């Protein structure tokens, strides 16, 4: 999960905590705290621990990944989906005719 590493670092510094102190408070390793502060990547469990220790919401530190227009893919309708839709339509029409003729 991507989080704003600068917010985490600033919250820690504001409390005059070392990375080790934060790691102990969150019950995570020192290496995990270092990685979070450097790269901004954390597991869901680590994020929840950080939020609990700092008494903040997950939305306060989570970031939305930026997507470049080149990364967006166009969505195409698959031919099997169209085939399924046609088959369903035919089935509905046949079912209606059969029901109509049985009612006569």
PDB file of N, CA and C in Angstrom:
ATOM      1  N   UNK A   1       0.841  -1.162   0.000  1.00  0.00           N
ATOM      2  CA  UNK A   1       0.000   0.000   0.000  1.00  0.00           C
ATOM      3  C   UNK A   1       0.893   1.234   0.000  1.00  0.00           C
ATOM      4  N   UNK A   2       0.544   2.204  -0.844  1.00  0.00           N
ATOM      5  CA  UNK A   2       1.350   3.425  -0.919  1.00  0.00           C
ATOM      6  C   UNK A   2       0.855   4.438   0.108  1.00  0.00           C
ATOM      7  N   UNK A   3       1.800   4.971   0.881  1.00  0.00           N
ATOM      8  CA  UNK A   3       1.466   5.986   1.875  1.00  0.00           C
ATOM      9  C   UNK A   3       2.408   7.169   1.713  1.00  0.00           C
ATOM     10  N   UNK A   4       2.024   8.283   2.283  1.00  0.00           N
ATOM     11  CA  UNK A   4       2.854   9.486   2.221  1.00  0.00           C
ATOM     12  C   UNK A   4       3.945   9.356   3.287  1.00  0.00           C
ATOM     13  N   UNK A   5       5.137   9.013   2.850  1.00  0.00           N
ATOM     14  CA  UNK A   5       6.234   8.771   3.785  1.00  0.00           C
ATOM     15  C   UNK A   5       6.647  10.034   4.537  1.00  0.00           C
ATOM     16  N   UNK A   6       6.456  11.202   3.911  1.00  0.00           N
ATOM     17  CA  UNK A   6       6.835  12.446   4.575  1.00  0.00           C
ATOM     18  C   UNK A   6       5.948  12.730   5.787  1.00  0.00           C
ATOM     19  N   UNK A   7       4.671  12.366   5.697  1.00  0.00           N
ATOM     20  CA  UNK A   7       3.773  12.566   6.840  1.00  0.00           C
ATOM     21  C   UNK A   7       4.197  11.672   8.000  1.00  0.00           C
ATOM     22  N   UNK A   8       4.527  10.425   7.706  1.00  0.00           N
ATOM     23  CA  UNK A   8       4.946   9.494   8.756  1.00  0.00           C
ATOM     24  C   UNK A   8       6.216  10.013   9.426  1.00  0.00           C
ATOM     25  N   UNK A   9       7.165  10.419   8.619  1.00  0.00           N
ATOM     26  CA  UNK A   9       8.420  10.915   9.172  1.00  0.00           C
ATOM     27  C   UNK A   9       8.189  12.160  10.025  1.00  0.00           C
ATOM     28  N   UNK A  10       7.340  13.071   9.536  1.00  0.00           N
ATOM     29  CA  UNK A  10       7.071  14.298  10.280  1.00  0.00           C
ATOM     30  C   UNK A  10       6.341  14.010  11.594  1.00  0.00           C
ATOM     31  N   UNK A  11       5.400  13.084  11.580  1.00  0.00           N
ATOM     32  CA  UNK A  11       4.697  12.717  12.816  1.00  0.00           C
ATOM     33  C   UNK A  11       5.666  12.142  13.844  1.00  0.00           C
ATOM     34  N   UNK A  12       6.609  11.336  13.364  1.00  0.00           N
ATOM     35  CA  UNK A  12       7.612  10.760  14.258  1.00  0.00           C
ATOM     36  C   UNK A  12       8.520  11.848  14.830  1.00  0.00           C
ATOM     37  N   UNK A  13       8.968  12.736  13.978  1.00  0.00           N
ATOM     38  CA  UNK A  13       9.869  13.809  14.420  1.00  0.00           C
ATOM     39  C   UNK A  13       9.158  14.752  15.385  1.00  0.00           C
ATOM     40  N   UNK A  14       7.881  15.053  15.111  1.00  0.00           N
ATOM     41  CA  UNK A  14       7.114  15.933  15.996  1.00  0.00           C
ATOM     42  C   UNK A  14       7.028  15.389  17.420  1.00  0.00           C
ATOM     43  N   UNK A  15       7.075  14.079  17.534  1.00  0.00           N
ATOM     44  CA  UNK A  15       7.009  13.440  18.855  1.00  0.00           C
ATOM     45  C   UNK A  15       8.402  13.187  19.446  1.00  0.00           C
ATOM     46  N   UNK A  16       9.427  13.579  18.713  1.00  0.00           N
ATOM     47  CA  UNK A  16      10.814  13.337  19.134  1.00  0.00           C
ATOM     48  C   UNK A  16      11.100  11.848  19.348  1.00  0.00           C
ATOM     49  N   UNK A  17      10.543  11.033  18.447  1.00  0.00           N
ATOM     50  CA  UNK A  17      10.758   9.598  18.512  1.00  0.00           C
ATOM     51  C   UNK A  17      11.848   9.196  17.528  1.00  0.00           C
ATOM     52  N   UNK A  18      12.599   8.193  17.903  1.00  0.00           N
ATOM     53  CA  UNK A  18      13.535   7.592  16.969  1.00  0.00           C
ATOM     54  C   UNK A  18      12.765   6.590  16.119  1.00  0.00           C
ATOM     55  N   UNK A  19      13.394   6.150  15.054  1.00  0.00           N
ATOM     56  CA  UNK A  19      12.760   5.106  14.246  1.00  0.00           C
ATOM     57  C   UNK A  19      12.564   3.839  15.073  1.00  0.00           C
ATOM     58  N   UNK A  20      13.508   3.545  15.944  1.00  0.00           N
ATOM     59  CA  UNK A  20      13.384   2.359  16.796  1.00  0.00           C
ATOM     60  C   UNK A  20      12.199   2.497  17.743  1.00  0.00           C
ATOM     61  N   UNK A  21      12.008   3.685  18.302  1.00  0.00           N
ATOM     62  CA  UNK A  21      10.875   3.904  19.208  1.00  0.00           C
ATOM     63  C   UNK A  21       9.558   3.691  18.465  1.00  0.00           C
ATOM     64  N   UNK A  22       9.454   4.215  17.238  1.00  0.00           N
ATOM     65  CA  UNK A  22       8.246   4.019  16.439  1.00  0.00           C
ATOM     66  C   UNK A  22       8.043   2.551  16.117  1.00  0.00           C
ATOM     67  N   UNK A  23       9.117   1.871  15.780  1.00  0.00           N
ATOM     68  CA  UNK A  23       9.026   0.436  15.483  1.00  0.00           C
ATOM     69  C   UNK A  23       8.506  -0.330  16.694  1.00  0.00           C
ATOM     70  N   UNK A  24       9.020  -0.010  17.873  1.00  0.00           N
ATOM     71  CA  UNK A  24       8.569  -0.684  19.092  1.00  0.00           C
ATOM     72  C   UNK A  24       7.105  -0.371  19.386  1.00  0.00           C
ATOM     73  N   UNK A  25       6.701   0.881  19.199  1.00  0.00           N
ATOM     74  CA  UNK A  25       5.322   1.280  19.476  1.00  0.00           C
ATOM     75  C   UNK A  25       4.347   0.597  18.524  1.00  0.00           C
ATOM     76  N   UNK A  26       4.769   0.409  17.287  1.00  0.00           N
ATOM     77  CA  UNK A  26       3.911  -0.222  16.271  1.00  0.00           C
ATOM     78  C   UNK A  26       4.045  -1.740  16.244  1.00  0.00           C
ATOM     79  N   UNK A  27       5.004  -2.267  16.981  1.00  0.00           N
ATOM     80  CA  UNK A  27       5.290  -3.702  16.974  1.00  0.00           C
ATOM     81  C   UNK A  27       5.670  -4.182  15.567  1.00  0.00           C
ATOM     82  N   UNK A  28       6.529  -3.387  14.916  1.00  0.00           N
ATOM     83  CA  UNK A  28       7.086  -3.758  13.621  1.00  0.00           C
ATOM     84  C   UNK A  28       8.598  -3.605  13.720  1.00  0.00           C
ATOM     85  N   UNK A  29       9.305  -4.085  12.725  1.00  0.00           N
ATOM     86  CA  UNK A  29      10.766  -4.030  12.790  1.00  0.00           C
ATOM     87  C   UNK A  29      11.286  -2.641  12.430  1.00  0.00           C
ATOM     88  N   UNK A  30      12.488  -2.370  12.875  1.00  0.00           N
ATOM     89  CA  UNK A  30      13.158  -1.118  12.539  1.00  0.00           C
ATOM     90  C   UNK A  30      13.306  -1.006  11.027  1.00  0.00           C
ATOM     91  N   UNK A  31      13.664  -2.087  10.392  1.00  0.00           N
ATOM     92  CA  UNK A  31      13.837  -2.101   8.932  1.00  0.00           C
ATOM     93  C   UNK A  31      12.537  -1.719   8.225  1.00  0.00           C
ATOM     94  N   UNK A  32      11.404  -2.152   8.758  1.00  0.00           N
ATOM     95  CA  UNK A  32      10.111  -1.801   8.169  1.00  0.00           C
ATOM     96  C   UNK A  32       9.866  -0.302   8.270  1.00  0.00           C
ATOM     97  N   UNK A  33      10.168   0.284   9.419  1.00  0.00           N
ATOM     98  CA  UNK A  33      10.013   1.733   9.588  1.00  0.00           C
ATOM     99  C   UNK A  33      10.925   2.463   8.609  1.00  0.00           C
ATOM    100  N   UNK A  34      12.148   2.010   8.464  1.00  0.00           N
ATOM    101  CA  UNK A  34      13.085   2.647   7.536  1.00  0.00           C
ATOM    102  C   UNK A  34      12.564   2.578   6.101  1.00  0.00           C
ATOM    103  N   UNK A  35      12.051   1.422   5.732  1.00  0.00           N
ATOM    104  CA  UNK A  35      11.518   1.247   4.372  1.00  0.00           C
ATOM    105  C   UNK A  35      10.300   2.148   4.142  1.00  0.00           C
ATOM    106  N   UNK A  36       9.421   2.218   5.146  1.00  0.00           N
ATOM    107  CA  UNK A  36       8.227   3.059   5.024  1.00  0.00           C
ATOM    108  C   UNK A  36       8.631   4.518   4.850  1.00  0.00           C
ATOM    109  N   UNK A  37       9.561   4.993   5.660  1.00  0.00           N
ATOM    110  CA  UNK A  37       9.970   6.393   5.582  1.00  0.00           C
ATOM    111  C   UNK A  37      10.748   6.707   4.308  1.00  0.00           C
ATOM    112  N   UNK A  38      11.413   5.718   3.747  1.00  0.00           N
ATOM    113  CA  UNK A  38      12.205   5.965   2.545  1.00  0.00           C
ATOM    114  C   UNK A  38      11.375   5.829   1.267  1.00  0.00           C
ATOM    115  N   UNK A  39      10.586   4.765   1.180  1.00  0.00           N
ATOM    116  CA  UNK A  39       9.891   4.462  -0.066  1.00  0.00           C
ATOM    117  C   UNK A  39       8.382   4.722  -0.023  1.00  0.00           C
ATOM    118  N   UNK A  40       7.788   4.760   1.161  1.00  0.00           N
ATOM    119  CA  UNK A  40       6.345   4.977   1.259  1.00  0.00           C
ATOM    120  C   UNK A  40       5.519   3.750   0.966  1.00  0.00           C
ATOM    121  N   UNK A  41       6.120   2.565   1.071  1.00  0.00           N
ATOM    122  CA  UNK A  41       5.395   1.310   0.880  1.00  0.00           C
ATOM    123  C   UNK A  41       5.219   0.619   2.220  1.00  0.00           C
ATOM    124  N   UNK A  42       3.998   0.170   2.491  1.00  0.00           N
ATOM    125  CA  UNK A  42       3.736  -0.507   3.760  1.00  0.00           C
ATOM    126  C   UNK A  42       2.613  -1.509   3.573  1.00  0.00           C
ATOM    127  N   UNK A  43       2.651  -2.560   4.363  1.00  0.00           N
ATOM    128  CA  UNK A  43       1.560  -3.533   4.338  1.00  0.00           C
ATOM    129  C   UNK A  43       0.347  -2.934   5.046  1.00  0.00           C
ATOM    130  N   UNK A  44      -0.784  -3.546   4.844  1.00  0.00           N
ATOM    131  CA  UNK A  44      -2.007  -3.075   5.497  1.00  0.00           C
ATOM    132  C   UNK A  44      -1.851  -3.114   7.009  1.00  0.00           C
ATOM    133  N   UNK A  45      -1.213  -4.164   7.519  1.00  0.00           N
ATOM    134  CA  UNK A  45      -1.018  -4.292   8.963  1.00  0.00           C
ATOM    135  C   UNK A  45      -0.136  -3.175   9.505  1.00  0.00           C
ATOM    136  N   UNK A  46       0.921  -2.841   8.773  1.00  0.00           N
ATOM    137  CA  UNK A  46       1.813  -1.763   9.207  1.00  0.00           C
ATOM    138  C   UNK A  46       1.093  -0.422   9.191  1.00  0.00           C
ATOM    139  N   UNK A  47       0.285  -0.192   8.164  1.00  0.00           N
ATOM    140  CA  UNK A  47      -0.479   1.059   8.079  1.00  0.00           C
ATOM    141  C   UNK A  47      -1.441   1.160   9.252  1.00  0.00           C
ATOM    142  N   UNK A  48      -2.116   0.082   9.567  1.00  0.00           N
ATOM    143  CA  UNK A  48      -3.067   0.095  10.682  1.00  0.00           C
ATOM    144  C   UNK A  48      -2.342   0.343  12.005  1.00  0.00           C
ATOM    145  N   UNK A  49      -1.163  -0.226  12.165  1.00  0.00           N
ATOM    146  CA  UNK A  49      -0.374   0.016  13.377  1.00  0.00           C
ATOM    147  C   UNK A  49       0.053   1.473  13.473  1.00  0.00           C
ATOM    148  N   UNK A  50       0.521   2.029  12.378  1.00  0.00           N
ATOM    149  CA  UNK A  50       0.920   3.435  12.364  1.00  0.00           C
ATOM    150  C   UNK A  50      -0.263   4.342  12.702  1.00  0.00           C
ATOM    151  N   UNK A  51      -1.412   4.047  12.125  1.00  0.00           N
ATOM    152  CA  UNK A  51      -2.603   4.856  12.392  1.00  0.00           C
ATOM    153  C   UNK A  51      -3.005   4.778  13.861  1.00  0.00           C
ATOM    154  N   UNK A  52      -2.906   3.600  14.433  1.00  0.00           N
ATOM    155  CA  UNK A  52      -3.263   3.438  15.841  1.00  0.00           C
ATOM    156  C   UNK A  52      -2.295   4.209  16.738  1.00  0.00           C
ATOM    157  N   UNK A  53      -1.012   4.107  16.463  1.00  0.00           N
ATOM    158  CA  UNK A  53      -0.001   4.770  17.288  1.00  0.00           C
ATOM    159  C   UNK A  53      -0.098   6.288  17.167  1.00  0.00           C
ATOM    160  N   UNK A  54      -0.285   6.777  15.946  1.00  0.00           N
ATOM    161  CA  UNK A  54      -0.360   8.223  15.726  1.00  0.00           C
ATOM    162  C   UNK A  54      -1.771   8.781  15.917  1.00  0.00           C
ATOM    163  N   UNK A  55      -2.728   7.896  16.116  1.00  0.00           N
ATOM    164  CA  UNK A  55      -4.134   8.276  16.294  1.00  0.00           C
ATOM    165  C   UNK A  55      -4.641   9.103  15.118  1.00  0.00           C
ATOM    166  N   UNK A  56      -4.460   8.538  13.934  1.00  0.00           N
ATOM    167  CA  UNK A  56      -4.917   9.178  12.708  1.00  0.00           C
ATOM    168  C   UNK A  56      -5.719   8.167  11.907  1.00  0.00           C
ATOM    169  N   UNK A  57      -6.385   8.655  10.863  1.00  0.00           N
ATOM    170  CA  UNK A  57      -7.137   7.776   9.965  1.00  0.00           C
ATOM    171  C   UNK A  57      -6.248   7.305   8.827  1.00  0.00           C
ATOM    172  N   UNK A  58      -6.613   6.179   8.278  1.00  0.00           N
ATOM    173  CA  UNK A  58      -5.858   5.618   7.161  1.00  0.00           C
ATOM    174  C   UNK A  58      -5.844   6.583   5.974  1.00  0.00           C
ATOM    175  N   UNK A  59      -6.946   7.287   5.758  1.00  0.00           N
ATOM    176  CA  UNK A  59      -7.038   8.223   4.642  1.00  0.00           C
ATOM    177  C   UNK A  59      -6.056   9.385   4.783  1.00  0.00           C
ATOM    178  N   UNK A  60      -5.632   9.664   6.001  1.00  0.00           N
ATOM    179  CA  UNK A  60      -4.707  10.776   6.225  1.00  0.00           C
ATOM    180  C   UNK A  60      -3.309  10.501   5.668  1.00  0.00           C
ATOM    181  N   UNK A  61      -2.953   9.237   5.542  1.00  0.00           N
ATOM    182  CA  UNK A  61      -1.594   8.918   5.084  1.00  0.00           C
ATOM    183  C   UNK A  61      -1.547   8.153   3.766  1.00  0.00           C
ATOM    184  N   UNK A  62      -2.648   7.550   3.354  1.00  0.00           N
ATOM    185  CA  UNK A  62      -2.644   6.772   2.114  1.00  0.00           C
ATOM    186  C   UNK A  62      -2.694   7.698   0.912  1.00  0.00           C
ATOM    187  N   UNK A  63      -1.971   7.317  -0.126  1.00  0.00           N
ATOM    188  CA  UNK A  63      -1.951   8.087  -1.354  1.00  0.00           C
ATOM    189  C   UNK A  63      -2.588   7.287  -2.470  1.00  0.00           C
ATOM    190  N   UNK A  64      -3.137   8.002  -3.420  1.00  0.00           N
ATOM    191  CA  UNK A  64      -3.709   7.357  -4.597  1.00  0.00           C
ATOM    192  C   UNK A  64      -2.625   7.344  -5.664  1.00  0.00           C
ATOM    193  N   UNK A  65      -2.311   6.150  -6.193  1.00  0.00           N
ATOM    194  CA  UNK A  65      -1.265   6.091  -7.208  1.00  0.00           C
ATOM    195  C   UNK A  65      -1.652   6.904  -8.441  1.00  0.00           C
ATOM    196  N   UNK A  66      -0.706   7.642  -8.976  1.00  0.00           N
ATOM    197  CA  UNK A  66      -0.947   8.437 -10.175  1.00  0.00           C
ATOM    198  C   UNK A  66      -0.779   7.547 -11.401  1.00  0.00           C
ATOM    199  N   UNK A  67      -1.743   7.638 -12.295  1.00  0.00           N
ATOM    200  CA  UNK A  67      -1.725   6.825 -13.509  1.00  0.00           C
ATOM    201  C   UNK A  67      -1.523   7.747 -14.702  1.00  0.00           C
ATOM    202  N   UNK A  68      -0.568   7.408 -15.524  1.00  0.00           N
ATOM    203  CA  UNK A  68      -0.312   8.171 -16.737  1.00  0.00           C
ATOM    204  C   UNK A  68      -1.315   7.748 -17.804  1.00  0.00           C
ATOM    205  N   UNK A  69      -1.678   8.660 -18.687  1.00  0.00           N
ATOM    206  CA  UNK A  69      -2.634   8.304 -19.739  1.00  0.00           C
ATOM    207  C   UNK A  69      -2.179   7.108 -20.580  1.00  0.00           C
ATOM    208  N   UNK A  70      -0.862   6.952 -20.747  1.00  0.00           N
ATOM    209  CA  UNK A  70      -0.362   5.828 -21.541  1.00  0.00           C
ATOM    210  C   UNK A  70      -0.615   4.485 -20.846  1.00  0.00           C
ATOM    211  N   UNK A  71      -0.809   4.514 -19.515  1.00  0.00           N
ATOM    212  CA  UNK A  71      -1.015   3.276 -18.779  1.00  0.00           C
ATOM    213  C   UNK A  71      -2.461   2.802 -18.828  1.00  0.00           C
ATOM    214  N   UNK A  72      -3.361   3.701 -19.223  1.00  0.00           N
ATOM    215  CA  UNK A  72      -4.766   3.323 -19.295  1.00  0.00           C
ATOM    216  C   UNK A  72      -5.002   2.452 -20.514  1.00  0.00           C
ATOM    217  N   UNK A  73      -5.753   1.408 -20.329  1.00  0.00           N
ATOM    218  CA  UNK A  73      -6.068   0.513 -21.432  1.00  0.00           C
ATOM    219  C   UNK A  73      -7.514   0.724 -21.845  1.00  0.00           C
ATOM    220  N   UNK A  74      -7.760   0.595 -23.124  1.00  0.00           N
ATOM    221  CA  UNK A  74      -9.138   0.688 -23.579  1.00  0.00           C
ATOM    222  C   UNK A  74      -9.817  -0.646 -23.317  1.00  0.00           C
ATOM    223  N   UNK A  75     -11.060  -0.560 -22.930  1.00  0.00           N
ATOM    224  CA  UNK A  75     -11.818  -1.771 -22.632  1.00  0.00           C
ATOM    225  C   UNK A  75     -12.604  -2.140 -23.875  1.00  0.00           C
ATOM    226  N   UNK A  76     -12.441  -3.363 -24.333  1.00  0.00           N
ATOM    227  CA  UNK A  76     -13.170  -3.831 -25.502  1.00  0.00           C
ATOM    228  C   UNK A  76     -14.129  -4.925 -25.086  1.00  0.00           C
ATOM    229  N   UNK A  77     -15.247  -4.978 -25.762  1.00  0.00           N
ATOM    230  CA  UNK A  77     -16.228  -6.014 -25.478  1.00  0.00           C
ATOM    231  C   UNK A  77     -15.766  -7.287 -26.155  1.00  0.00           C
ATOM    232  N   UNK A  78     -15.691  -8.328 -25.392  1.00  0.00           N
ATOM    233  CA  UNK A  78     -15.234  -9.602 -25.933  1.00  0.00           C
ATOM    234  C   UNK A  78     -16.344 -10.239 -26.773  1.00  0.00           C
ATOM    235  N   UNK A  79     -15.944 -10.948 -27.792  1.00  0.00           N
ATOM    236  CA  UNK A  79     -16.917 -11.566 -28.691  1.00  0.00           C
ATOM    237  C   UNK A  79     -17.775 -12.597 -27.967  1.00  0.00           C
ATOM    238  N   UNK A  80     -17.220 -13.290 -26.977  1.00  0.00           N
ATOM    239  CA  UNK A  80     -18.015 -14.278 -26.258  1.00  0.00           C
ATOM    240  C   UNK A  80     -19.102 -13.617 -25.411  1.00  0.00           C
ATOM    241  N   UNK A  81     -18.868 -12.394 -24.977  1.00  0.00           N
ATOM    242  CA  UNK A  81     -19.904 -11.673 -24.241  1.00  0.00           C
ATOM    243  C   UNK A  81     -21.067 -11.359 -25.168  1.00  0.00           C
ATOM    244  N   UNK A  82     -20.768 -10.919 -26.398  1.00  0.00           N
ATOM    245  CA  UNK A  82     -21.822 -10.636 -27.372  1.00  0.00           C
ATOM    246  C   UNK A  82     -22.565 -11.906 -27.735  1.00  0.00           C
ATOM    247  N   UNK A  83     -21.849 -13.003 -27.899  1.00  0.00           N
ATOM    248  CA  UNK A  83     -22.479 -14.288 -28.208  1.00  0.00           C
ATOM    249  C   UNK A  83     -23.420 -14.700 -27.083  1.00  0.00           C
ATOM    250  N   UNK A  84     -22.991 -14.504 -25.847  1.00  0.00           N
ATOM    251  CA  UNK A  84     -23.829 -14.848 -24.704  1.00  0.00           C
ATOM    252  C   UNK A  84     -25.084 -13.973 -24.679  1.00  0.00           C
ATOM    253  N   UNK A  85     -24.950 -12.712 -24.997  1.00  0.00           N
ATOM    254  CA  UNK A  85     -26.079 -11.791 -25.017  1.00  0.00           C
ATOM    255  C   UNK A  85     -27.082 -12.179 -26.102  1.00  0.00           C
ATOM    256  N   UNK A  86     -26.592 -12.553 -27.279  1.00  0.00           N
ATOM    257  CA  UNK A  86     -27.462 -12.992 -28.368  1.00  0.00           C
ATOM    258  C   UNK A  86     -28.180 -14.282 -27.985  1.00  0.00           C
ATOM    259  N   UNK A  87     -27.458 -15.223 -27.409  1.00  0.00           N
ATOM    260  CA  UNK A  87     -28.068 -16.491 -27.001  1.00  0.00           C
ATOM    261  C   UNK A  87     -29.137 -16.270 -25.939  1.00  0.00           C
ATOM    262  N   UNK A  88     -28.882 -15.381 -25.016  1.00  0.00           N
ATOM    263  CA  UNK A  88     -29.863 -15.069 -23.978  1.00  0.00           C
ATOM    264  C   UNK A  88     -31.115 -14.444 -24.585  1.00  0.00           C
ATOM    265  N   UNK A  89     -30.927 -13.550 -25.534  1.00  0.00           N
ATOM    266  CA  UNK A  89     -32.068 -12.914 -26.200  1.00  0.00           C
ATOM    267  C   UNK A  89     -32.908 -13.942 -26.950  1.00  0.00           C
ATOM    268  N   UNK A  90     -32.258 -14.829 -27.678  1.00  0.00           N
ATOM    269  CA  UNK A  90     -32.969 -15.873 -28.406  1.00  0.00           C
ATOM    270  C   UNK A  90     -33.724 -16.765 -27.425  1.00  0.00           C
ATOM    271  N   UNK A  91     -33.108 -17.102 -26.336  1.00  0.00           N
ATOM    272  CA  UNK A  91     -33.768 -17.941 -25.329  1.00  0.00           C
ATOM    273  C   UNK A  91     -34.997 -17.276 -24.745  1.00  0.00           C
ATOM    274  N   UNK A  92     -34.923 -15.976 -24.499  1.00  0.00           N
ATOM    275  CA  UNK A  92     -36.070 -15.255 -23.949  1.00  0.00           C
ATOM    276  C   UNK A  92     -37.213 -15.243 -24.959  1.00  0.00           C
ATOM    277  N   UNK A  93     -36.883 -14.967 -26.215  1.00  0.00           N
ATOM    278  CA  UNK A  93     -37.917 -14.924 -27.252  1.00  0.00           C
ATOM    279  C   UNK A  93     -38.547 -16.302 -27.441  1.00  0.00           C
ATOM    280  N   UNK A  94     -37.747 -17.331 -27.533  1.00  0.00           N
ATOM    281  CA  UNK A  94     -38.286 -18.690 -27.676  1.00  0.00           C
ATOM    282  C   UNK A  94     -39.122 -19.088 -26.467  1.00  0.00           C
ATOM    283  N   UNK A  95     -38.651 -18.748 -25.287  1.00  0.00           N
ATOM    284  CA  UNK A  95     -39.410 -19.051 -24.076  1.00  0.00           C
ATOM    285  C   UNK A  95     -40.760 -18.359 -24.067  1.00  0.00           C
ATOM    286  N   UNK A  96     -40.815 -17.122 -24.542  1.00  0.00           N
ATOM    287  CA  UNK A  96     -42.081 -16.383 -24.599  1.00  0.00           C
ATOM    288  C   UNK A  96     -43.027 -17.016 -25.602  1.00  0.00           C
ATOM    289  N   UNK A  97     -42.519 -17.408 -26.787  1.00  0.00           N
ATOM    290  CA  UNK A  97     -43.369 -18.048 -27.782  1.00  0.00           C
ATOM    291  C   UNK A  97     -43.906 -19.390 -27.288  1.00  0.00           C
ATOM    292  N   UNK A  98     -43.048 -20.176 -26.697  1.00  0.00           N
ATOM    293  CA  UNK A  98     -43.478 -21.488 -26.194  1.00  0.00           C
ATOM    294  C   UNK A  98     -44.531 -21.310 -25.112  1.00  0.00           C
ATOM    295  N   UNK A  99     -44.323 -20.389 -24.215  1.00  0.00           N
ATOM    296  CA  UNK A  99     -45.303 -20.138 -23.160  1.00  0.00           C
ATOM    297  C   UNK A  99     -46.622 -19.650 -23.743  1.00  0.00           C
ATOM    298  N   UNK A 100     -46.556 -18.774 -24.768  1.00  0.00           N
ATOM    299  CA  UNK A 100     -47.765 -18.256 -25.396  1.00  0.00           C
ATOM    300  C   UNK A 100     -48.563 -19.373 -26.043  1.00  0.00           C
ATOM    301  N   UNK A 101     -47.879 -20.256 -26.809  1.00  0.00           N
ATOM    302  CA  UNK A 101     -48.580 -21.330 -27.483  1.00  0.00           C
ATOM    303  C   UNK A 101     -49.102 -22.396 -26.550  1.00  0.00           C
ATOM    304  N   UNK A 102     -48.469 -22.591 -25.417  1.00  0.00           N
ATOM    305  CA  UNK A 102     -48.985 -23.554 -24.439  1.00  0.00           C
ATOM    306  C   UNK A 102     -50.216 -23.028 -23.722  1.00  0.00           C
ATOM    307  N   UNK A 103     -50.360 -21.719 -23.652  1.00  0.00           N
ATOM    308  CA  UNK A 103     -51.507 -21.120 -22.992  1.00  0.00           C
ATOM    309  C   UNK A 103     -52.757 -21.188 -23.864  1.00  0.00           C
ATOM    310  N   UNK A 104     -52.595 -21.398 -25.192  1.00  0.00           N
ATOM    311  CA  UNK A 104     -53.762 -21.457 -26.091  1.00  0.00           C
ATOM    312  C   UNK A 104     -54.562 -22.680 -25.915  1.00  0.00           C
TER     313      UNK A 104
END
